[in-house]
Amino acid sequence: MHHEFTAFPRGIEGRGASRRLRRSGRAPGIVYGGAAKPQPIELDHNALIHALKNEAFHSSILTMKLGPDSQQVLLRDVQMHPFRKEVLHIDFQRVDANRRIHMKVPLHFVNGENSPAVKLSAAIISHVIAELDVSCLPKDLPGFIEVDLSELALNQSIHVADLKLPGGVTAVSRGGMNPVVATAIIPKIIAEVEEVAPEAEAEPGTPEAEAAAAAAAAAGEKPGESADKGAEKGAEKGAEKGAEKSSERGSGKKGEKK
């Protein structure tokens, strides 16, 4: 896709001049590279903001109209205001048609929903990197590189060396590395904490029941006898407390009659 924009020569430089330029609806910038000297420029701010929303504007060869001439450039840097939607400064580099360029090209991931990892294993495909650094002649620079995920299986990964690059385009690798582009994994699921069930008597024949019987035998009691004794003691204590309360009430009433 061909992108064209218009720039204007900028005669006054400096922070104060740049602030006044931005207040007037223009964005300051510069174009450099090639045999010509660096040229300060200015652009219409609203048109520039609209162009920056286009992905291809960041990774394609652009045609810049500057005065009566046109030249091929690449977008190299954009400085934005920290919290306002405002371009503080923008840099472009002139392109030599006979020299290779280094550029970051966005990756477009396709067919992920048709991969065995998703269809058979319900895995999640993680996009590890979103753009790739490539080297090529200006005429061969692609707007994006497509990454086909249709054959990605569970616990497998796609590396840079697995990508199908357009003709004349090579990936720039540092130190012979072959980084991962995408991988298919099943994320770890945090197990839900089961509710603790109330304690119940162990079923006969189970290890818990046998352990309880052995403990009772060592204490000289029959299995289940300790529970019966506990119940009897509880009943006796309840009867004693009831008798004490009734006697206290009776003594209090006698004292009132006297």
C-alpha atoms as a PDB file:
ATOM      1  CA  MET A   1       0.000   0.000   0.000  1.00  0.00           C
ATOM      2  CA  HIS A   2       1.328   3.405  -1.014  1.00  0.00           C
ATOM      3  CA  HIS A   3       1.325   6.167   1.611  1.00  0.00           C
ATOM      4  CA  GLU A   4       1.884   9.807   0.781  1.00  0.00           C
ATOM      5  CA  PHE A   5       1.930  12.867   3.012  1.00  0.00           C
ATOM      6  CA  THR A   6       2.880  16.521   2.770  1.00  0.00           C
ATOM      7  CA  ALA A   7       5.524  18.298   4.838  1.00  0.00           C
ATOM      8  CA  PHE A   8       6.669  21.928   4.874  1.00  0.00           C
ATOM      9  CA  PRO A   9      10.123  23.424   5.453  1.00  0.00           C
ATOM     10  CA  ARG A  10      10.624  24.767   8.977  1.00  0.00           C
ATOM     11  CA  GLY A  11      12.776  27.877   9.186  1.00  0.00           C
ATOM     12  CA  ILE A  12      12.820  28.589  12.936  1.00  0.00           C
ATOM     13  CA  GLU A  13      14.121  26.039  15.422  1.00  0.00           C
ATOM     14  CA  GLY A  14      14.261  25.871  19.212  1.00  0.00           C
ATOM     15  CA  ARG A  15      11.953  24.954  22.080  1.00  0.00           C
ATOM     16  CA  GLY A  16      10.034  28.205  22.041  1.00  0.00           C
ATOM     17  CA  ALA A  17       9.487  28.024  18.284  1.00  0.00           C
ATOM     18  CA  SER A  18       8.345  24.385  18.576  1.00  0.00           C
ATOM     19  CA  ARG A  19       5.820  25.282  21.285  1.00  0.00           C
ATOM     20  CA  ARG A  20       4.391  28.082  19.145  1.00  0.00           C
ATOM     21  CA  LEU A  21       4.288  25.719  16.192  1.00  0.00           C
ATOM     22  CA  ARG A  22       2.314  23.125  18.152  1.00  0.00           C
ATOM     23  CA  ARG A  23      -0.125  25.770  19.402  1.00  0.00           C
ATOM     24  CA  SER A  24      -0.807  26.699  15.766  1.00  0.00           C
ATOM     25  CA  GLY A  25      -1.806  23.108  14.913  1.00  0.00           C
ATOM     26  CA  ARG A  26       1.509  21.993  13.394  1.00  0.00           C
ATOM     27  CA  ALA A  27       3.936  19.268  14.512  1.00  0.00           C
ATOM     28  CA  PRO A  28       7.715  19.831  14.284  1.00  0.00           C
ATOM     29  CA  GLY A  29       9.947  17.172  12.755  1.00  0.00           C
ATOM     30  CA  ILE A  30      13.091  16.427  10.819  1.00  0.00           C
ATOM     31  CA  VAL A  31      14.136  14.348   7.815  1.00  0.00           C
ATOM     32  CA  TYR A  32      17.717  13.052   7.582  1.00  0.00           C
ATOM     33  CA  GLY A  33      19.870  10.452   5.846  1.00  0.00           C
ATOM     34  CA  GLY A  34      21.160   9.998   2.327  1.00  0.00           C
ATOM     35  CA  ALA A  35      23.435  12.524   0.638  1.00  0.00           C
ATOM     36  CA  ALA A  36      21.388  15.603   1.617  1.00  0.00           C
ATOM     37  CA  LYS A  37      21.689  17.505   4.891  1.00  0.00           C
ATOM     38  CA  PRO A  38      19.123  17.072   7.678  1.00  0.00           C
ATOM     39  CA  GLN A  39      16.054  19.219   6.944  1.00  0.00           C
ATOM     40  CA  PRO A  40      13.758  20.589   9.703  1.00  0.00           C
ATOM     41  CA  ILE A  41      10.131  20.171   8.693  1.00  0.00           C
ATOM     42  CA  GLU A  42       6.622  20.738  10.001  1.00  0.00           C
ATOM     43  CA  LEU A  43       3.406  18.804   9.359  1.00  0.00           C
ATOM     44  CA  ASP A  44      -0.300  19.325   9.880  1.00  0.00           C
ATOM     45  CA  HIS A  45      -0.936  17.860  13.332  1.00  0.00           C
ATOM     46  CA  ASN A  46      -4.450  16.506  12.736  1.00  0.00           C
ATOM     47  CA  ALA A  47      -3.447  14.793   9.486  1.00  0.00           C
ATOM     48  CA  LEU A  48      -0.385  13.313  11.214  1.00  0.00           C
ATOM     49  CA  ILE A  49      -2.422  11.924  14.128  1.00  0.00           C
ATOM     50  CA  HIS A  50      -4.768  10.288  11.643  1.00  0.00           C
ATOM     51  CA  ALA A  51      -1.845   8.772   9.690  1.00  0.00           C
ATOM     52  CA  LEU A  52      -0.216   7.385  12.839  1.00  0.00           C
ATOM     53  CA  LYS A  53      -3.297   5.261  13.524  1.00  0.00           C
ATOM     54  CA  ASN A  54      -2.494   3.269  10.396  1.00  0.00           C
ATOM     55  CA  GLU A  55      -0.151   0.335  11.112  1.00  0.00           C
ATOM     56  CA  ALA A  56       1.410   0.512   7.657  1.00  0.00           C
ATOM     57  CA  PHE A  57       2.487   4.118   8.242  1.00  0.00           C
ATOM     58  CA  HIS A  58       4.991   2.787  10.798  1.00  0.00           C
ATOM     59  CA  SER A  59       6.510   0.007   8.655  1.00  0.00           C
ATOM     60  CA  SER A  60       6.204   1.020   4.991  1.00  0.00           C
ATOM     61  CA  ILE A  61       8.113   3.159   2.537  1.00  0.00           C
ATOM     62  CA  LEU A  62       6.423   6.582   2.583  1.00  0.00           C
ATOM     63  CA  THR A  63       6.396   9.286  -0.074  1.00  0.00           C
ATOM     64  CA  MET A  64       6.947  12.712   1.478  1.00  0.00           C
ATOM     65  CA  LYS A  65       6.128  15.812  -0.555  1.00  0.00           C
ATOM     66  CA  LEU A  66       8.419  18.625   0.545  1.00  0.00           C
ATOM     67  CA  GLY A  67       8.076  21.732  -1.573  1.00  0.00           C
ATOM     68  CA  PRO A  68       8.304  20.894  -5.291  1.00  0.00           C
ATOM     69  CA  ASP A  69      10.085  17.579  -4.653  1.00  0.00           C
ATOM     70  CA  SER A  70       9.061  14.145  -3.414  1.00  0.00           C
ATOM     71  CA  GLN A  71      11.297  11.685  -1.608  1.00  0.00           C
ATOM     72  CA  GLN A  72      11.053   8.191  -0.152  1.00  0.00           C
ATOM     73  CA  VAL A  73      11.311   8.086   3.634  1.00  0.00           C
ATOM     74  CA  LEU A  74      10.798   5.804   6.612  1.00  0.00           C
ATOM     75  CA  LEU A  75       9.227   6.773   9.928  1.00  0.00           C
ATOM     76  CA  ARG A  76      11.943   6.367  12.540  1.00  0.00           C
ATOM     77  CA  ASP A  77      10.723   7.983  15.757  1.00  0.00           C
ATOM     78  CA  VAL A  78       7.657   9.694  17.225  1.00  0.00           C
ATOM     79  CA  GLN A  79       7.727  11.596  20.516  1.00  0.00           C
ATOM     80  CA  MET A  80       4.276  11.904  22.092  1.00  0.00           C
ATOM     81  CA  HIS A  81       3.107  14.075  24.975  1.00  0.00           C
ATOM     82  CA  PRO A  82       3.006  12.083  28.251  1.00  0.00           C
ATOM     83  CA  PHE A  83      -0.778  12.361  28.671  1.00  0.00           C
ATOM     84  CA  ARG A  84      -2.176  14.445  25.803  1.00  0.00           C
ATOM     85  CA  LYS A  85      -2.806  13.146  22.325  1.00  0.00           C
ATOM     86  CA  GLU A  86      -0.151  15.427  20.892  1.00  0.00           C
ATOM     87  CA  VAL A  87       2.935  14.798  18.765  1.00  0.00           C
ATOM     88  CA  LEU A  88       5.927  16.646  20.195  1.00  0.00           C
ATOM     89  CA  HIS A  89       8.393  15.706  17.450  1.00  0.00           C
ATOM     90  CA  ILE A  90       8.689  13.233  14.572  1.00  0.00           C
ATOM     91  CA  ASP A  91      11.726  11.858  12.677  1.00  0.00           C
ATOM     92  CA  PHE A  92      11.916  10.516   9.122  1.00  0.00           C
ATOM     93  CA  GLN A  93      14.860   8.885   7.330  1.00  0.00           C
ATOM     94  CA  ARG A  94      15.509   9.176   3.614  1.00  0.00           C
ATOM     95  CA  VAL A  95      15.661   5.884   1.734  1.00  0.00           C
ATOM     96  CA  ASP A  96      18.329   4.819  -0.742  1.00  0.00           C
ATOM     97  CA  ALA A  97      16.820   2.340  -3.189  1.00  0.00           C
ATOM     98  CA  ASN A  98      20.155   0.484  -3.526  1.00  0.00           C
ATOM     99  CA  ARG A  99      20.937   0.054   0.173  1.00  0.00           C
ATOM    100  CA  ARG A 100      19.431  -2.499   2.532  1.00  0.00           C
ATOM    101  CA  ILE A 101      17.431  -1.167   5.443  1.00  0.00           C
ATOM    102  CA  HIS A 102      16.672  -2.536   8.895  1.00  0.00           C
ATOM    103  CA  MET A 103      13.050  -2.237   9.933  1.00  0.00           C
ATOM    104  CA  LYS A 104      10.647  -3.697  12.478  1.00  0.00           C
ATOM    105  CA  VAL A 105       7.697  -5.288  10.707  1.00  0.00           C
ATOM    106  CA  PRO A 106       4.471  -6.252  12.541  1.00  0.00           C
ATOM    107  CA  LEU A 107       3.409  -9.900  12.738  1.00  0.00           C
ATOM    108  CA  HIS A 108      -0.141 -10.953  11.851  1.00  0.00           C
ATOM    109  CA  PHE A 109      -1.229 -14.244  13.474  1.00  0.00           C
ATOM    110  CA  VAL A 110      -3.839 -16.252  11.530  1.00  0.00           C
ATOM    111  CA  ASN A 111      -5.694 -19.594  11.790  1.00  0.00           C
ATOM    112  CA  GLY A 112      -5.124 -19.948  15.511  1.00  0.00           C
ATOM    113  CA  GLU A 113      -8.696 -21.157  16.068  1.00  0.00           C
ATOM    114  CA  ASN A 114      -8.087 -24.011  13.595  1.00  0.00           C
ATOM    115  CA  SER A 115      -4.916 -25.327  15.208  1.00  0.00           C
ATOM    116  CA  PRO A 116      -4.896 -28.784  16.886  1.00  0.00           C
ATOM    117  CA  ALA A 117      -3.802 -27.133  20.125  1.00  0.00           C
ATOM    118  CA  VAL A 118      -7.034 -25.130  20.310  1.00  0.00           C
ATOM    119  CA  LYS A 119      -9.479 -27.570  18.714  1.00  0.00           C
ATOM    120  CA  LEU A 120      -8.294 -30.769  20.419  1.00  0.00           C
ATOM    121  CA  SER A 121      -6.666 -29.604  23.649  1.00  0.00           C
ATOM    122  CA  ALA A 122      -8.438 -26.283  24.360  1.00  0.00           C
ATOM    123  CA  ALA A 123      -5.013 -24.674  24.717  1.00  0.00           C
ATOM    124  CA  ILE A 124      -4.226 -20.970  24.646  1.00  0.00           C
ATOM    125  CA  ILE A 125      -1.852 -19.643  21.988  1.00  0.00           C
ATOM    126  CA  SER A 126       0.527 -17.043  23.353  1.00  0.00           C
ATOM    127  CA  HIS A 127       1.971 -14.451  20.946  1.00  0.00           C
ATOM    128  CA  VAL A 128       5.458 -14.008  22.365  1.00  0.00           C
ATOM    129  CA  ILE A 129       6.591 -11.237  20.008  1.00  0.00           C
ATOM    130  CA  ALA A 130       4.466  -8.794  18.004  1.00  0.00           C
ATOM    131  CA  GLU A 131       7.028  -7.550  15.476  1.00  0.00           C
ATOM    132  CA  LEU A 132      10.139  -8.816  13.728  1.00  0.00           C
ATOM    133  CA  ASP A 133      13.343  -6.986  12.872  1.00  0.00           C
ATOM    134  CA  VAL A 134      14.135  -7.598   9.188  1.00  0.00           C
ATOM    135  CA  SER A 135      16.705  -6.544   6.614  1.00  0.00           C
ATOM    136  CA  CYS A 136      15.895  -5.973   2.952  1.00  0.00           C
ATOM    137  CA  LEU A 137      15.995  -3.509   0.078  1.00  0.00           C
ATOM    138  CA  PRO A 138      13.343  -0.770   0.248  1.00  0.00           C
ATOM    139  CA  LYS A 139      11.382  -2.284  -2.636  1.00  0.00           C
ATOM    140  CA  ASP A 140      11.085  -5.623  -0.793  1.00  0.00           C
ATOM    141  CA  LEU A 141       9.913  -4.237   2.566  1.00  0.00           C
ATOM    142  CA  PRO A 142       6.617  -5.956   3.504  1.00  0.00           C
ATOM    143  CA  GLY A 143       3.848  -4.162   5.335  1.00  0.00           C
ATOM    144  CA  PHE A 144       3.520  -7.174   7.690  1.00  0.00           C
ATOM    145  CA  ILE A 145       4.554 -10.817   8.019  1.00  0.00           C
ATOM    146  CA  GLU A 146       1.884 -13.492   8.348  1.00  0.00           C
ATOM    147  CA  VAL A 147       2.296 -16.242  10.939  1.00  0.00           C
ATOM    148  CA  ASP A 148       0.199 -19.344  10.173  1.00  0.00           C
ATOM    149  CA  LEU A 149      -0.855 -21.162  13.360  1.00  0.00           C
ATOM    150  CA  SER A 150      -3.024 -23.851  11.718  1.00  0.00           C
ATOM    151  CA  GLU A 151      -0.569 -26.706  12.466  1.00  0.00           C
ATOM    152  CA  LEU A 152       0.480 -25.659  15.965  1.00  0.00           C
ATOM    153  CA  ALA A 153       0.007 -28.518  18.459  1.00  0.00           C
ATOM    154  CA  LEU A 154      -0.073 -28.498  22.245  1.00  0.00           C
ATOM    155  CA  ASN A 155       3.259 -27.629  23.919  1.00  0.00           C
ATOM    156  CA  GLN A 156       4.805 -26.781  20.561  1.00  0.00           C
ATOM    157  CA  SER A 157       6.296 -23.436  19.536  1.00  0.00           C
ATOM    158  CA  ILE A 158       6.918 -21.497  16.336  1.00  0.00           C
ATOM    159  CA  HIS A 159      10.360 -19.911  16.100  1.00  0.00           C
ATOM    160  CA  VAL A 160      11.670 -17.158  13.855  1.00  0.00           C
ATOM    161  CA  ALA A 161      13.406 -19.748  11.672  1.00  0.00           C
ATOM    162  CA  ASP A 162      10.004 -21.374  10.995  1.00  0.00           C
ATOM    163  CA  LEU A 163       8.491 -18.219   9.460  1.00  0.00           C
ATOM    164  CA  LYS A 164       7.934 -17.936   5.716  1.00  0.00           C
ATOM    165  CA  LEU A 165       9.480 -14.581   4.821  1.00  0.00           C
ATOM    166  CA  PRO A 166       8.885 -12.787   1.512  1.00  0.00           C
ATOM    167  CA  GLY A 167      11.575 -12.885  -1.138  1.00  0.00           C
ATOM    168  CA  GLY A 168      14.579 -10.696  -0.417  1.00  0.00           C
ATOM    169  CA  VAL A 169      13.684 -10.373   3.282  1.00  0.00           C
ATOM    170  CA  THR A 170      15.842 -11.867   6.041  1.00  0.00           C
ATOM    171  CA  ALA A 171      15.293 -11.842   9.788  1.00  0.00           C
ATOM    172  CA  VAL A 172      17.905 -10.015  11.828  1.00  0.00           C
ATOM    173  CA  SER A 173      19.117 -12.364  14.578  1.00  0.00           C
ATOM    174  CA  ARG A 174      21.574 -11.377  17.258  1.00  0.00           C
ATOM    175  CA  GLY A 175      24.099 -13.909  18.446  1.00  0.00           C
ATOM    176  CA  GLY A 176      22.588 -16.715  16.383  1.00  0.00           C
ATOM    177  CA  MET A 177      19.436 -16.732  18.510  1.00  0.00           C
ATOM    178  CA  ASN A 178      16.193 -18.233  17.260  1.00  0.00           C
ATOM    179  CA  PRO A 179      13.526 -16.637  19.463  1.00  0.00           C
ATOM    180  CA  VAL A 180      10.035 -18.045  19.985  1.00  0.00           C
ATOM    181  CA  VAL A 181       7.270 -16.286  18.069  1.00  0.00           C
ATOM    182  CA  ALA A 182       4.223 -18.162  19.389  1.00  0.00           C
ATOM    183  CA  THR A 183       3.557 -21.144  21.637  1.00  0.00           C
ATOM    184  CA  ALA A 184       0.534 -23.248  22.640  1.00  0.00           C
ATOM    185  CA  ILE A 185       0.079 -24.095  26.307  1.00  0.00           C
ATOM    186  CA  ILE A 186      -2.640 -24.994  28.806  1.00  0.00           C
ATOM    187  CA  PRO A 187      -2.439 -22.526  31.708  1.00  0.00           C
ATOM    188  CA  LYS A 188      -2.198 -23.863  35.244  1.00  0.00           C
ATOM    189  CA  ILE A 189      -5.606 -24.076  36.901  1.00  0.00           C
ATOM    190  CA  ILE A 190      -5.799 -23.258  40.576  1.00  0.00           C
ATOM    191  CA  ALA A 191      -7.640 -26.109  42.234  1.00  0.00           C
ATOM    192  CA  GLU A 192     -10.678 -25.100  44.229  1.00  0.00           C
ATOM    193  CA  VAL A 193     -10.440 -25.739  47.948  1.00  0.00           C
ATOM    194  CA  GLU A 194     -12.902 -28.451  48.866  1.00  0.00           C
ATOM    195  CA  GLU A 195     -15.194 -27.820  51.782  1.00  0.00           C
ATOM    196  CA  VAL A 196     -14.196 -29.782  54.885  1.00  0.00           C
ATOM    197  CA  ALA A 197     -16.864 -32.410  55.594  1.00  0.00           C
ATOM    198  CA  PRO A 198     -18.017 -32.959  59.199  1.00  0.00           C
ATOM    199  CA  GLU A 199     -16.251 -35.788  61.023  1.00  0.00           C
ATOM    200  CA  ALA A 200     -18.058 -39.095  60.874  1.00  0.00           C
ATOM    201  CA  GLU A 201     -17.472 -42.469  62.367  1.00  0.00           C
ATOM    202  CA  ALA A 202     -15.060 -44.616  60.373  1.00  0.00           C
ATOM    203  CA  GLU A 203     -16.615 -47.484  58.476  1.00  0.00           C
ATOM    204  CA  PRO A 204     -15.717 -50.974  59.719  1.00  0.00           C
ATOM    205  CA  GLY A 205     -12.862 -52.568  57.868  1.00  0.00           C
ATOM    206  CA  THR A 206     -11.208 -49.317  56.875  1.00  0.00           C
ATOM    207  CA  PRO A 207      -7.685 -48.390  58.053  1.00  0.00           C
ATOM    208  CA  GLU A 208      -9.160 -45.592  60.181  1.00  0.00           C
ATOM    209  CA  ALA A 209     -11.509 -48.011  61.953  1.00  0.00           C
ATOM    210  CA  GLU A 210      -8.696 -50.511  62.566  1.00  0.00           C
ATOM    211  CA  ALA A 211      -6.465 -47.772  64.012  1.00  0.00           C
ATOM    212  CA  ALA A 212      -9.263 -46.632  66.339  1.00  0.00           C
ATOM    213  CA  ALA A 213      -9.883 -50.214  67.503  1.00  0.00           C
ATOM    214  CA  ALA A 214      -6.176 -50.723  68.228  1.00  0.00           C
ATOM    215  CA  ALA A 215      -6.059 -47.524  70.286  1.00  0.00           C
ATOM    216  CA  ALA A 216      -9.134 -48.589  72.259  1.00  0.00           C
ATOM    217  CA  ALA A 217      -7.657 -52.039  72.923  1.00  0.00           C
ATOM    218  CA  ALA A 218      -4.454 -50.491  74.228  1.00  0.00           C
ATOM    219  CA  ALA A 219      -6.512 -48.371  76.644  1.00  0.00           C
ATOM    220  CA  GLY A 220      -8.437 -51.453  77.875  1.00  0.00           C
ATOM    221  CA  GLU A 221     -11.714 -50.365  76.303  1.00  0.00           C
ATOM    222  CA  LYS A 222     -13.945 -51.860  73.702  1.00  0.00           C
ATOM    223  CA  PRO A 223     -14.435 -50.039  70.423  1.00  0.00           C
ATOM    224  CA  GLY A 224     -17.139 -47.426  70.897  1.00  0.00           C
ATOM    225  CA  GLU A 225     -16.926 -47.704  74.673  1.00  0.00           C
ATOM    226  CA  SER A 226     -15.124 -44.370  75.069  1.00  0.00           C
ATOM    227  CA  ALA A 227     -17.938 -42.598  73.234  1.00  0.00           C
ATOM    228  CA  ASP A 228     -20.542 -44.236  75.498  1.00  0.00           C
ATOM    229  CA  LYS A 229     -18.608 -43.241  78.601  1.00  0.00           C
ATOM    230  CA  GLY A 230     -18.361 -39.684  77.376  1.00  0.00           C
ATOM    231  CA  ALA A 231     -22.110 -39.574  76.854  1.00  0.00           C
ATOM    232  CA  GLU A 232     -22.740 -41.002  80.375  1.00  0.00           C
ATOM    233  CA  LYS A 233     -20.412 -38.459  81.988  1.00  0.00           C
ATOM    234  CA  GLY A 234     -22.135 -35.656  80.143  1.00  0.00           C
ATOM    235  CA  ALA A 235     -25.542 -36.857  81.374  1.00  0.00           C
ATOM    236  CA  GLU A 236     -24.318 -37.151  84.963  1.00  0.00           C
ATOM    237  CA  LYS A 237     -22.889 -33.606  84.920  1.00  0.00           C
ATOM    238  CA  GLY A 238     -26.136 -32.274  83.508  1.00  0.00           C
ATOM    239  CA  ALA A 239     -28.183 -33.997  86.256  1.00  0.00           C
ATOM    240  CA  GLU A 240     -25.896 -32.679  88.997  1.00  0.00           C
ATOM    241  CA  LYS A 241     -26.135 -29.102  87.742  1.00  0.00           C
ATOM    242  CA  GLY A 242     -29.927 -29.377  87.515  1.00  0.00           C
ATOM    243  CA  ALA A 243     -30.160 -30.630  91.123  1.00  0.00           C
ATOM    244  CA  GLU A 244     -27.930 -27.828  92.395  1.00  0.00           C
ATOM    245  CA  LYS A 245     -30.038 -25.169  90.693  1.00  0.00           C
ATOM    246  CA  SER A 246     -33.313 -26.593  92.053  1.00  0.00           C
ATOM    247  CA  SER A 247     -31.901 -26.722  95.602  1.00  0.00           C
ATOM    248  CA  GLU A 248     -30.749 -23.101  95.370  1.00  0.00           C
ATOM    249  CA  ARG A 249     -34.167 -21.997  94.237  1.00  0.00           C
ATOM    250  CA  GLY A 250     -35.869 -23.960  97.022  1.00  0.00           C
ATOM    251  CA  SER A 251     -33.644 -22.448  99.739  1.00  0.00           C
ATOM    252  CA  GLY A 252     -34.303 -18.993  98.460  1.00  0.00           C
ATOM    253  CA  LYS A 253     -38.080 -19.452  98.629  1.00  0.00           C
ATOM    254  CA  LYS A 254     -37.932 -20.797 102.247  1.00  0.00           C
ATOM    255  CA  GLY A 255     -35.923 -17.795 103.320  1.00  0.00           C
ATOM    256  CA  GLU A 256     -38.576 -15.464 101.970  1.00  0.00           C
ATOM    257  CA  LYS A 257     -41.391 -17.253 103.957  1.00  0.00           C
ATOM    258  CA  LYS A 258     -39.477 -16.992 107.193  1.00  0.00           C
END
